[in-house]
Amino acid sequence: MLKLLWIIMVLSAILMIVLILMHSPKGDGIAGIGNAAQMFTSQKSAEKGLNKLTGIVALIFIVCVFILGFGLVS
């Protein structure tokens, strides 16, 4: 059970790194002046899905860290 938690933690850490690197920068740059950034809505919906997936993977990682850190598994 302990090895399984370590494997899940390491895989979620690697996946979280990849997902965070896939995020686009939050600044709209010059396109934010005339609200031209809203023209491309498909990119915004893809960003929502990526944010949700990153949050789920981060939650899995945090739960594994707490379980392993507090020694709840023998």
Protein backbone atom coordinates (compact mmCIF):
# COMPACT_ATOMS: atom_id res chain seq x y z
CA MET A 1 0.00 0.00 0.00
CA LEU A 2 2.86 2.34 0.82
CA LYS A 3 4.55 1.75 -2.54
CA LEU A 4 1.27 2.37 -4.35
CA LEU A 5 0.88 5.75 -2.64
CA TRP A 6 4.45 6.69 -3.53
CA ILE A 7 3.83 5.75 -7.17
CA ILE A 8 0.59 7.76 -7.26
CA MET A 9 2.34 10.75 -5.67
CA VAL A 10 5.27 10.71 -8.09
CA LEU A 11 3.02 10.28 -11.14
CA SER A 12 0.70 13.06 -10.02
CA ALA A 13 3.71 15.35 -9.41
CA ILE A 14 5.04 14.73 -12.91
CA LEU A 15 1.58 15.18 -14.43
CA MET A 16 1.06 18.39 -12.46
CA ILE A 17 4.35 19.80 -13.79
CA VAL A 18 3.32 19.00 -17.36
CA LEU A 19 -0.16 20.48 -16.90
CA ILE A 20 1.18 23.69 -15.36
CA LEU A 21 3.64 24.11 -18.23
CA MET A 22 0.76 23.71 -20.70
CA HIS A 23 -1.09 26.73 -19.29
CA SER A 24 -1.03 29.89 -21.34
CA PRO A 25 0.10 33.16 -19.81
CA LYS A 26 -2.73 35.07 -18.13
CA GLY A 27 -1.90 38.43 -19.67
CA ASP A 28 -3.83 39.23 -22.84
CA GLY A 29 -1.25 41.74 -23.96
CA ILE A 30 -2.35 44.35 -26.47
CA ALA A 31 -5.47 42.32 -27.36
CA GLY A 32 -6.92 43.07 -23.94
CA ILE A 33 -7.37 46.77 -24.78
CA GLY A 34 -10.15 46.39 -27.33
CA ASN A 35 -11.55 43.20 -25.79
CA ALA A 36 -10.21 41.30 -28.79
CA ALA A 37 -9.08 38.49 -26.53
CA GLN A 38 -12.70 37.35 -26.17
CA MET A 39 -12.83 36.64 -29.89
CA PHE A 40 -11.27 33.21 -29.45
CA THR A 41 -13.67 31.45 -27.07
CA SER A 42 -12.49 27.92 -27.83
CA GLN A 43 -9.13 28.70 -26.26
CA LYS A 44 -10.87 29.98 -23.14
CA SER A 45 -12.94 26.80 -22.80
CA ALA A 46 -9.84 24.67 -23.26
CA GLU A 47 -8.19 26.71 -20.50
CA LYS A 48 -11.15 26.01 -18.19
CA GLY A 49 -10.78 22.26 -18.72
CA LEU A 50 -7.04 22.47 -18.17
CA ASN A 51 -7.58 24.41 -14.93
CA LYS A 52 -10.05 21.82 -13.67
CA LEU A 53 -7.73 18.92 -14.52
CA THR A 54 -4.78 20.66 -12.87
CA GLY A 55 -6.84 21.20 -9.73
CA ILE A 56 -7.85 17.53 -9.56
CA VAL A 57 -4.26 16.34 -10.00
CA ALA A 58 -3.07 18.83 -7.37
CA LEU A 59 -5.71 17.56 -4.94
CA ILE A 60 -4.60 13.96 -5.50
CA PHE A 61 -0.99 14.99 -4.88
CA ILE A 62 -1.85 16.88 -1.67
CA VAL A 63 -3.90 13.98 -0.30
CA CYS A 64 -1.01 11.58 -0.96
CA VAL A 65 1.45 13.93 0.74
CA PHE A 66 -0.72 14.20 3.84
CA ILE A 67 -1.31 10.46 4.05
CA LEU A 68 2.39 9.70 3.69
CA GLY A 69 3.51 12.61 5.86
CA PHE A 70 1.32 11.83 8.84
CA GLY A 71 2.03 8.12 8.61
CA LEU A 72 -1.60 7.09 8.20
CA VAL A 73 -0.51 4.04 6.20
CA SER A 74 1.51 1.27 7.75
